[in-house]
């Protein structure tokens, strides 16, 4: 997700540098991505984090990469990863600058086409300040409230996305057993009451046929369900979300 988001920022004429601990040779020429914190411009004022999970966020900000120490002029940290809302609340007082949670939705295809949907948590002033960057990468913007609310909304959205993913994959497997053509069934679902984002975008979503692996997008989706569970109300019935997490973890690759 980070690479096309960076490309969108640069295409909009914004001065943006990418950072990835993998070698820059992993990216095409001209991507302007470095694996050295020292090569990020010192006058950088906004850091947008799109890493996988909480441990990687900790490494990026405070630990192995420690970008907060390398970027003394930061005014805003933007968390676009999908993490537990509880973590976002705990992170805010640890930062020397403003924090905005801006998780996004739409999968890699939406990042490539600069039409991501952002769910935003933070002050009105900070959101307004960041809008030129967000508009370069996205099409839909939902300011949900104070810090943490954008992330809370995102994990709820992803809980629905995970349920759609698990159930769509199940009905496709059952359709195989009933000798129903996949394309015909997906076309039917798209125009019927079972319509959902995953089924309608099945041929464009890059992970649609993947099985579960801890390191792939299906694994990230399971992590997102767990993030939603971490922020569940104290009296919530979590039986169904736990079943969804189990179903996602047991997905096998689809031909």
Protein backbone atom coordinates (compact mmCIF):
# COMPACT_ATOMS: atom_id res chain seq x y z
CA UNK A 1 0.00 0.00 0.00
CA UNK A 2 2.79 2.41 0.86
CA UNK A 3 4.46 2.41 -2.54
CA UNK A 4 1.41 3.58 -4.56
CA UNK A 5 0.50 6.04 -1.79
CA UNK A 6 3.98 7.56 -2.09
CA UNK A 7 3.65 7.64 -5.88
CA UNK A 8 0.33 9.49 -5.56
CA UNK A 9 1.87 12.10 -3.26
CA UNK A 10 4.74 12.69 -5.65
CA UNK A 11 2.40 12.80 -8.66
CA UNK A 12 0.54 15.60 -6.88
CA UNK A 13 3.77 17.59 -6.71
CA UNK A 14 4.36 17.02 -3.00
CA UNK A 15 7.86 16.52 -1.65
CA UNK A 16 7.66 12.97 -0.30
CA UNK A 17 10.26 10.32 0.50
CA UNK A 18 9.55 6.65 1.12
CA UNK A 19 11.19 4.60 3.85
CA UNK A 20 11.37 0.79 3.90
CA UNK A 21 13.84 -1.40 5.77
CA UNK A 22 14.06 -3.53 2.62
CA UNK A 23 16.68 -2.49 0.09
CA UNK A 24 15.66 0.31 -2.29
CA UNK A 25 16.45 -2.12 -5.12
CA UNK A 26 13.15 -3.82 -4.25
CA UNK A 27 11.39 -0.89 -5.93
CA UNK A 28 11.44 0.49 -9.49
CA UNK A 29 13.91 3.24 -10.41
CA UNK A 30 12.79 6.69 -9.40
CA UNK A 31 10.52 5.51 -6.57
CA UNK A 32 12.47 7.71 -4.13
CA UNK A 33 12.51 5.09 -1.37
CA UNK A 34 15.37 4.63 1.08
CA UNK A 35 16.17 2.14 3.82
CA UNK A 36 18.32 4.62 5.73
CA UNK A 37 16.73 6.99 8.26
CA UNK A 38 19.63 9.37 7.66
CA UNK A 39 18.50 9.83 4.04
CA UNK A 40 15.04 11.08 4.99
CA UNK A 41 15.09 14.91 4.73
CA UNK A 42 15.62 16.49 8.14
CA UNK A 43 12.96 19.11 7.45
CA UNK A 44 10.23 16.46 7.12
CA UNK A 45 7.15 17.62 9.03
CA UNK A 46 4.70 14.75 8.45
CA UNK A 47 5.34 11.04 8.89
CA UNK A 48 2.73 8.67 7.44
CA UNK A 49 3.12 5.15 8.78
CA UNK A 50 1.77 2.25 6.71
CA UNK A 51 3.54 -0.66 8.42
CA UNK A 52 1.92 -3.97 9.24
CA UNK A 53 1.26 -4.05 12.97
CA UNK A 54 2.00 -2.66 16.43
CA UNK A 55 5.53 -4.16 16.79
CA UNK A 56 6.55 -2.66 13.44
CA UNK A 57 5.02 0.68 14.46
CA UNK A 58 7.04 0.62 17.67
CA UNK A 59 10.23 -0.17 15.74
CA UNK A 60 9.53 2.59 13.24
CA UNK A 61 8.87 5.30 15.83
CA UNK A 62 10.92 4.37 18.87
CA UNK A 63 12.92 1.17 18.33
CA UNK A 64 15.09 -0.24 15.57
CA UNK A 65 14.47 2.62 13.13
CA UNK A 66 13.61 5.30 15.73
CA UNK A 67 12.42 7.85 13.18
CA UNK A 68 11.27 10.22 15.91
CA UNK A 69 14.90 10.75 16.84
CA UNK A 70 15.95 11.27 13.21
CA UNK A 71 13.16 13.73 12.34
CA UNK A 72 13.24 16.58 14.86
CA UNK A 73 10.92 18.83 12.85
CA UNK A 74 7.91 16.54 12.82
CA UNK A 75 4.61 18.28 13.49
CA UNK A 76 2.33 15.32 12.68
CA UNK A 77 2.47 11.54 12.85
CA UNK A 78 -0.24 9.90 10.77
CA UNK A 79 -1.00 6.23 11.46
CA UNK A 80 -2.51 4.65 8.34
CA UNK A 81 -1.92 1.08 9.47
CA UNK A 82 -4.89 -0.79 10.92
CA UNK A 83 -4.11 -1.23 14.62
CA UNK A 84 -6.00 -1.57 17.88
CA UNK A 85 -7.75 1.68 18.84
CA UNK A 86 -6.52 1.09 22.38
CA UNK A 87 -2.95 1.30 21.11
CA UNK A 88 -3.68 4.62 19.37
CA UNK A 89 -5.00 6.12 22.61
CA UNK A 90 -1.87 4.95 24.45
CA UNK A 91 0.43 6.20 21.69
CA UNK A 92 -0.78 9.82 21.69
CA UNK A 93 0.91 10.98 24.93
CA UNK A 94 4.18 9.31 23.90
CA UNK A 95 4.62 11.50 20.81
CA UNK A 96 6.30 14.94 20.74
CA UNK A 97 3.87 16.09 18.02
CA UNK A 98 0.25 15.75 16.91
CA UNK A 99 -1.17 12.30 16.20
CA UNK A 100 -3.84 11.59 13.59
CA UNK A 101 -5.19 8.11 12.95
CA UNK A 102 -5.97 7.79 9.25
CA UNK A 103 -6.43 4.12 8.37
CA UNK A 104 -7.58 3.55 4.81
CA UNK A 105 -9.74 1.11 2.90
CA UNK A 106 -9.94 -0.03 -0.70
CA UNK A 107 -7.08 -2.55 -1.09
CA UNK A 108 -4.01 -2.03 -3.27
CA UNK A 109 -6.04 -1.29 -6.39
CA UNK A 110 -7.55 1.81 -4.72
CA UNK A 111 -4.09 2.97 -3.62
CA UNK A 112 -2.79 2.62 -7.18
CA UNK A 113 -5.76 4.60 -8.51
CA UNK A 114 -5.50 7.22 -5.69
CA UNK A 115 -9.08 6.63 -4.55
CA UNK A 116 -8.60 5.31 -1.04
CA UNK A 117 -11.20 5.85 1.67
CA UNK A 118 -9.72 7.36 4.84
CA UNK A 119 -11.26 7.11 8.29
CA UNK A 120 -9.88 9.98 10.34
CA UNK A 121 -9.44 10.58 14.04
CA UNK A 122 -7.99 13.83 15.39
CA UNK A 123 -8.64 17.51 15.83
CA UNK A 124 -10.35 19.53 13.12
CA UNK A 125 -7.23 21.71 12.86
CA UNK A 126 -4.92 18.75 12.29
CA UNK A 127 -7.25 17.10 9.77
CA UNK A 128 -7.55 20.34 7.79
CA UNK A 129 -3.76 20.70 7.79
CA UNK A 130 -3.33 17.20 6.38
CA UNK A 131 -6.07 17.30 3.74
CA UNK A 132 -3.78 18.22 0.79
CA UNK A 133 -1.83 15.01 1.43
CA UNK A 134 -4.94 12.92 1.97
CA UNK A 135 -6.63 14.26 -1.16
CA UNK A 136 -3.58 13.27 -3.21
CA UNK A 137 -4.01 9.64 -2.12
CA UNK A 138 -7.75 9.26 -1.60
CA UNK A 139 -11.25 10.02 -2.74
CA UNK A 140 -13.41 9.56 0.35
CA UNK A 141 -12.71 11.12 3.76
CA UNK A 142 -14.64 10.39 6.94
CA UNK A 143 -13.70 12.44 10.01
CA UNK A 144 -15.09 10.26 12.79
CA UNK A 145 -14.09 12.39 15.79
CA UNK A 146 -11.17 12.70 18.19
CA UNK A 147 -7.97 10.65 18.14
CA UNK A 148 -8.73 6.93 18.03
CA UNK A 149 -12.17 7.17 16.47
CA UNK A 150 -10.86 6.78 12.94
CA UNK A 151 -9.11 3.57 13.97
CA UNK A 152 -12.19 2.34 15.84
CA UNK A 153 -14.30 2.89 12.72
CA UNK A 154 -11.70 1.13 10.56
CA UNK A 155 -11.55 -2.05 12.62
CA UNK A 156 -15.36 -2.21 12.60
CA UNK A 157 -15.31 -1.79 8.81
CA UNK A 158 -12.66 -4.49 8.49
CA UNK A 159 -14.66 -6.82 10.70
CA UNK A 160 -17.40 -6.59 8.07
CA UNK A 161 -14.84 -6.99 5.27
CA UNK A 162 -13.45 -10.10 6.94
CA UNK A 163 -16.91 -11.62 7.27
CA UNK A 164 -17.59 -10.89 3.58
CA UNK A 165 -14.24 -12.43 2.65
CA UNK A 166 -14.79 -15.60 4.66
CA UNK A 167 -18.37 -16.14 3.49
CA UNK A 168 -17.70 -15.31 -0.17
CA UNK A 169 -14.84 -17.78 -0.27
CA UNK A 170 -17.07 -20.40 1.37
CA UNK A 171 -19.91 -19.98 -1.14
CA UNK A 172 -17.46 -20.18 -4.04
CA UNK A 173 -16.14 -23.48 -2.69
CA UNK A 174 -19.69 -24.76 -2.32
CA UNK A 175 -20.49 -23.57 -5.85
CA UNK A 176 -17.57 -25.64 -7.15
CA UNK A 177 -19.10 -28.70 -5.53
CA UNK A 178 -22.45 -27.86 -7.18
CA UNK A 179 -20.81 -27.39 -10.62
CA UNK A 180 -21.74 -23.68 -10.73
CA UNK A 181 -19.38 -21.48 -12.73
CA UNK A 182 -17.49 -18.98 -10.57
CA UNK A 183 -17.95 -16.04 -12.95
CA UNK A 184 -21.66 -16.67 -13.27
CA UNK A 185 -22.14 -16.88 -9.51
CA UNK A 186 -20.15 -13.69 -8.86
CA UNK A 187 -22.21 -11.88 -11.51
CA UNK A 188 -25.37 -13.08 -9.80
CA UNK A 189 -24.17 -11.98 -6.36
CA UNK A 190 -23.19 -8.55 -7.69
CA UNK A 191 -26.79 -7.82 -8.72
CA UNK A 192 -28.53 -9.60 -5.84
CA UNK A 193 -29.04 -9.39 -2.09
CA UNK A 194 -25.70 -11.08 -1.32
CA UNK A 195 -23.72 -8.26 -2.97
CA UNK A 196 -20.60 -7.24 -1.06
CA UNK A 197 -17.28 -5.48 -1.67
CA UNK A 198 -15.21 -8.66 -1.78
CA UNK A 199 -17.45 -10.54 -4.22
CA UNK A 200 -17.94 -7.53 -6.49
CA UNK A 201 -14.22 -6.81 -6.61
CA UNK A 202 -13.08 -10.43 -6.63
CA UNK A 203 -11.17 -10.20 -9.91
CA UNK A 204 -9.43 -6.93 -8.97
CA UNK A 205 -8.54 -7.57 -5.31
CA UNK A 206 -4.99 -8.82 -5.31
CA UNK A 207 -5.43 -11.24 -2.40
CA UNK A 208 -8.86 -12.61 -3.36
CA UNK A 209 -7.60 -16.13 -4.11
CA UNK A 210 -4.92 -16.35 -1.43
CA UNK A 211 -4.91 -18.81 1.42
CA UNK A 212 -4.00 -17.77 4.93
CA UNK A 213 -0.38 -16.99 5.70
CA UNK A 214 0.81 -14.98 8.67
CA UNK A 215 2.75 -12.69 6.33
CA UNK A 216 0.21 -12.06 3.56
CA UNK A 217 -2.88 -9.87 3.24
CA UNK A 218 -5.21 -12.61 4.48
CA UNK A 219 -3.01 -12.77 7.56
CA UNK A 220 -3.34 -8.98 7.92
CA UNK A 221 -7.13 -9.34 7.73
CA UNK A 222 -7.05 -11.80 10.62
CA UNK A 223 -4.90 -9.29 12.54
CA UNK A 224 -7.52 -6.62 11.86
CA UNK A 225 -10.28 -8.82 13.31
CA UNK A 226 -8.11 -9.28 16.39
CA UNK A 227 -7.68 -5.49 16.60
CA UNK A 228 -11.47 -5.12 16.57
CA UNK A 229 -11.76 -7.73 19.30
CA UNK A 230 -9.18 -5.89 21.39
CA UNK A 231 -11.42 -2.80 21.33
CA UNK A 232 -14.72 -4.64 21.82
CA UNK A 233 -17.04 -3.28 24.54
CA UNK A 234 -16.64 -5.05 27.87
CA UNK A 235 -20.09 -6.66 27.63
CA UNK A 236 -19.90 -7.52 23.91
CA UNK A 237 -20.70 -10.97 22.56
CA UNK A 238 -17.56 -11.85 20.58
CA UNK A 239 -18.60 -15.31 19.42
CA UNK A 240 -19.19 -14.30 15.79
CA UNK A 241 -15.98 -12.22 15.37
CA UNK A 242 -14.00 -15.12 16.83
CA UNK A 243 -15.62 -17.50 14.32
CA UNK A 244 -14.71 -15.09 11.50
CA UNK A 245 -11.09 -14.97 12.68
CA UNK A 246 -11.05 -18.78 12.74
CA UNK A 247 -12.53 -18.97 9.22
CA UNK A 248 -9.98 -16.48 7.85
CA UNK A 249 -7.12 -18.41 9.45
CA UNK A 250 -8.29 -21.60 7.71
CA UNK A 251 -8.64 -20.23 4.17
CA UNK A 252 -6.81 -22.30 1.56
CA UNK A 253 -5.56 -20.91 -1.79
CA UNK A 254 -8.23 -20.85 -4.49
CA UNK A 255 -7.17 -21.76 -8.05
